[in-house]
Protein backbone atom coordinates (compact mmCIF):
# COMPACT_ATOMS: atom_id res chain seq x y z
CA THR A 1 -0.33 -0.10 0.35
CA LEU A 2 1.01 3.23 -1.05
CA HIS A 3 -0.28 5.91 1.60
CA GLY A 4 -1.85 9.80 0.09
CA ASP A 5 -0.70 12.68 1.89
CA THR A 6 -4.19 13.03 2.34
CA ALA A 7 -5.98 10.32 4.27
CA SER A 8 -7.85 7.48 2.43
CA ARG A 9 -6.32 8.50 -0.47
CA ASN A 10 -3.99 5.45 -1.15
CA VAL A 11 -2.65 2.60 -3.95
CA VAL A 12 -2.65 -0.51 -3.13
CA TRP A 13 -1.22 -3.38 -5.68
CA ASP A 14 -3.55 -6.81 -5.05
CA SER A 15 -1.92 -9.58 -6.23
CA SER A 16 -5.27 -11.51 -5.69
CA ALA A 17 -7.04 -9.41 -8.47
CA ASP A 18 -3.07 -8.32 -10.65
CA SER A 19 -4.53 -4.93 -9.71
CA LEU A 20 -3.34 -1.21 -9.04
CA ILE A 21 -6.01 0.53 -7.30
CA PHE A 22 -6.44 3.77 -6.81
CA THR A 23 -8.91 5.17 -4.02
CA ASP A 24 -11.16 7.47 -4.21
CA ASN A 25 -9.26 10.56 -5.34
CA ALA A 26 -5.70 9.12 -5.61
CA LYS A 27 -4.44 10.20 -8.91
CA ALA A 28 -2.42 8.70 -11.53
CA LEU A 29 -0.84 11.17 -13.20
CA PHE A 30 1.25 11.77 -16.07
CA GLY A 31 3.82 14.37 -17.96
CA ALA A 32 6.40 16.16 -16.48
CA GLY A 33 3.58 18.90 -15.45
CA SER A 34 1.28 16.52 -14.73
CA ASP A 35 -0.49 17.24 -17.76
CA LEU A 36 -2.63 13.92 -17.66
CA GLN A 37 -4.92 12.68 -14.92
CA ILE A 38 -7.01 9.79 -14.40
CA PHE A 39 -8.97 9.59 -11.01
CA HIS A 40 -12.48 8.58 -9.60
CA ASP A 41 -14.06 10.93 -6.70
CA GLY A 42 -16.53 8.57 -5.30
CA SER A 43 -19.07 9.52 -7.51
CA ASN A 44 -17.75 10.60 -11.22
CA SER A 45 -14.69 9.30 -12.89
CA TYR A 46 -11.98 11.56 -14.44
CA ILE A 47 -9.31 11.78 -17.91
CA VAL A 48 -7.96 15.44 -17.34
CA ASP A 49 -5.53 16.46 -19.95
CA SER A 50 -4.47 20.12 -19.46
CA ALA A 51 -1.67 19.94 -22.06
CA THR A 52 -1.34 22.36 -24.82
CA GLY A 53 -1.45 19.65 -27.62
CA ASN A 54 -3.93 16.86 -28.27
CA LEU A 55 -5.65 14.34 -26.39
CA ALA A 56 -5.04 11.46 -28.77
CA ILE A 57 -6.79 8.39 -28.69
CA GLN A 58 -5.09 5.70 -31.31
CA SER A 59 -6.03 2.02 -32.15
CA SER A 60 -4.77 -0.50 -34.48
CA GLY A 61 -8.02 -2.65 -33.96
CA ALA A 62 -11.01 -2.28 -36.46
CA GLU A 63 -12.74 0.36 -34.97
CA ILE A 64 -12.37 2.70 -31.42
CA GLN A 65 -16.48 2.68 -28.81
CA LEU A 66 -17.44 4.29 -26.40
CA SER A 67 -20.10 2.41 -24.70
CA LYS A 68 -22.48 1.87 -21.75
CA GLY A 69 -21.74 -1.15 -19.43
CA PRO A 70 -19.89 -3.06 -18.24
CA SER A 71 -23.95 -4.59 -17.80
CA GLY A 72 -26.44 -3.23 -20.14
CA PHE A 73 -23.80 -2.74 -22.98
CA GLU A 74 -25.35 -0.60 -25.43
CA HIS A 75 -22.86 1.93 -27.78
CA MET A 76 -22.89 5.78 -27.91
CA ILE A 77 -20.48 6.66 -30.43
CA ARG A 78 -18.33 3.98 -33.15
CA ALA A 79 -15.35 5.12 -35.29
CA ILE A 80 -14.60 2.94 -37.47
CA VAL A 81 -11.76 2.28 -38.77
CA ASP A 82 -11.52 3.51 -42.69
CA GLY A 83 -15.46 3.97 -42.39
CA ALA A 84 -18.26 5.48 -40.85
CA VAL A 85 -18.35 7.75 -37.51
CA GLU A 86 -21.38 6.45 -35.70
CA LEU A 87 -23.79 8.46 -33.62
CA TYR A 88 -26.49 6.68 -31.31
CA HIS A 89 -29.59 7.40 -28.98
CA ASN A 90 -30.28 5.06 -26.37
CA ASN A 91 -28.56 2.11 -28.24
CA SER A 92 -30.57 3.56 -31.32
CA LYS A 93 -27.95 4.62 -34.56
CA LYS A 94 -29.42 8.08 -35.38
CA ILE A 95 -26.04 9.40 -37.34
CA GLU A 96 -23.82 8.24 -39.64
CA THR A 97 -20.90 9.50 -41.56
CA THR A 98 -20.56 7.90 -45.44
CA ALA A 99 -18.34 8.48 -48.21
CA ASP A 100 -20.86 11.14 -49.66
CA GLY A 101 -21.76 12.60 -46.65
CA ILE A 102 -24.06 11.85 -43.82
CA SER A 103 -26.93 9.23 -43.08
CA VAL A 104 -29.62 10.27 -40.14
CA THR A 105 -32.46 7.98 -38.91
CA GLY A 106 -35.51 9.69 -37.88
CA VAL A 107 -36.81 13.03 -37.76
CA LEU A 108 -34.30 16.24 -38.10
CA THR A 109 -34.84 19.46 -36.12
CA ALA A 110 -32.89 22.56 -37.18
CA SER A 111 -33.50 25.68 -35.05
CA GLY A 112 -31.87 27.54 -37.41
CA ILE A 113 -31.47 27.89 -40.95
CA VAL A 114 -30.54 24.45 -43.44
CA THR A 115 -28.39 25.11 -46.03
CA ALA A 116 -28.35 23.18 -48.97
CA ASN A 117 -25.28 23.47 -51.89
CA ALA A 118 -26.15 20.68 -53.61
CA LYS A 119 -29.21 18.42 -54.42
CA LEU A 120 -31.78 17.88 -51.58
CA ASP A 121 -33.16 14.48 -51.69
CA LEU A 122 -36.86 13.15 -49.60
CA ASN A 123 -36.81 10.00 -51.63
CA GLY A 124 -40.54 10.61 -52.30
CA THR A 125 -41.53 11.53 -48.98
CA GLU A 126 -42.99 14.67 -47.17
CA LEU A 127 -41.31 18.20 -47.21
CA ILE A 128 -43.27 19.91 -43.97
CA LEU A 129 -43.18 23.81 -44.03
CA ASP A 130 -45.19 24.44 -40.73
CA ALA A 131 -44.82 23.10 -36.80
CA ASP A 132 -47.88 21.47 -36.81
CA ALA A 133 -47.35 19.63 -39.79
CA ASP A 134 -50.27 20.17 -41.91
CA THR A 135 -48.67 22.49 -44.92
CA SER A 136 -46.91 20.97 -46.66
CA ILE A 137 -45.14 19.35 -50.41
CA THR A 138 -44.77 15.74 -51.24
CA SER A 139 -44.17 13.84 -54.55
CA ASP A 140 -44.47 10.50 -55.09
CA THR A 141 -43.68 7.50 -58.36
CA ASP A 142 -46.69 9.60 -60.01
CA ASP A 143 -44.37 11.80 -60.95
CA LYS A 144 -46.01 14.85 -59.89
CA ILE A 145 -45.87 17.28 -56.63
CA ASP A 146 -48.95 17.79 -54.16
CA TYR A 147 -49.26 21.20 -52.12
CA ARG A 148 -51.28 20.59 -48.70
CA ILE A 149 -52.18 23.80 -46.83
CA GLY A 150 -53.86 23.19 -43.37
CA GLY A 151 -54.25 19.67 -44.26
CA ALA A 152 -56.62 19.96 -47.79
CA ASP A 153 -54.66 19.38 -50.56
CA VAL A 154 -55.13 22.30 -52.52
CA MET A 155 -52.54 22.50 -55.48
CA GLN A 156 -50.55 19.53 -57.95
CA MET A 157 -48.01 19.98 -60.64
CA ASN A 158 -47.03 17.95 -62.95
CA ALA A 159 -44.63 18.45 -65.74
CA THR A 160 -47.52 20.00 -68.21
CA ALA A 161 -49.87 21.88 -66.05
CA PHE A 162 -51.06 23.00 -62.42
CA SER A 163 -54.34 22.43 -61.26
CA GLY A 164 -56.62 23.03 -57.73
CA GLY A 165 -59.14 24.41 -55.89
CA ALA A 166 -57.31 27.74 -56.23
CA ILE A 167 -54.83 29.66 -57.56
CA TYR A 168 -53.53 32.88 -57.23
CA GLU A 169 -51.55 35.65 -59.26
CA ASN A 170 -50.70 39.07 -57.93
CA ALA A 171 -53.19 38.63 -54.93
CA ASP A 172 -56.62 38.05 -57.93
CA ASP A 173 -58.45 34.53 -57.75
CA ILE A 174 -57.54 33.59 -60.96
CA ALA A 175 -60.28 30.72 -60.74
CA ALA A 176 -61.49 27.68 -58.24
CA ASN A 177 -61.29 24.44 -60.20
CA TYR A 178 -59.12 26.08 -63.18
CA SER A 179 -56.52 24.32 -64.64
CA ILE A 180 -53.34 26.34 -65.84
CA THR A 181 -51.46 24.42 -68.65
CA ALA A 182 -48.02 25.94 -70.26
CA GLY A 183 -47.36 26.44 -73.19
CA LYS A 184 -43.96 27.16 -75.20
CA ASN A 185 -44.33 30.66 -74.22
CA ALA A 186 -47.28 30.82 -72.47
CA PHE A 187 -50.04 29.63 -70.36
CA SER A 188 -53.86 28.95 -70.67
CA VAL A 189 -56.30 29.01 -68.58
CA GLY A 190 -59.24 26.20 -68.80
CA PRO A 191 -61.60 24.14 -66.68
CA ILE A 192 -60.35 21.13 -65.36
C-alpha cells in the first residue's frame, strides 16, 4: 500500500486480482507537469488533459467505441477504421457518416437555417413547412408535386399543368377549380 498525503487517498497493489487499485481521489499522473490525470472522485470518473497539445486516442483495432457498460452494454459512439463514425441514442443509431456525407435515421430538427448547396433528396417523402405539420409539399412515384395547406390538398403540378382548388396571381383569384397549362411561351387557363 502506498499512502497518500491526504487520508484514504491510497494506491494498493492487490496481487490476488493482479490490479493496481487507486482509491477515490487518488490520481494517476502522467507527464512532467502532471498534464494527464486519471482518477475517480467517488461519484464520477475523469480523464483530464491540461497539456497544450491534443488528447489522442489511437487504436490498431477495427474501431474505437464509446459505450455503456459493463452491464447492459449499449453503443453511444463508434468510430470505424476507414469507415463510418456512428452516433447512437439509447443504443439506436441516428447519425452515420458515409463516403458522400451523412445519413440520418429518424427526425432531423434544426433551430436555424438549413442550407443545401447541392441536391436535397427527400426520396419521395414529405417536406413539411410549418410547426403543426399540416402544410407540406409531397412528390411520390406519380411524377406529380402535391401541395397541402392546412391539411387539405390545394394544388397539384405535373410536367405540363397546375391544377387545384384555387390559384392566385398578383393577389387576384384566377379561378377556383381551373388549371393552368404551360405552352411554349405562354400559359392557358381553362376548366379542369
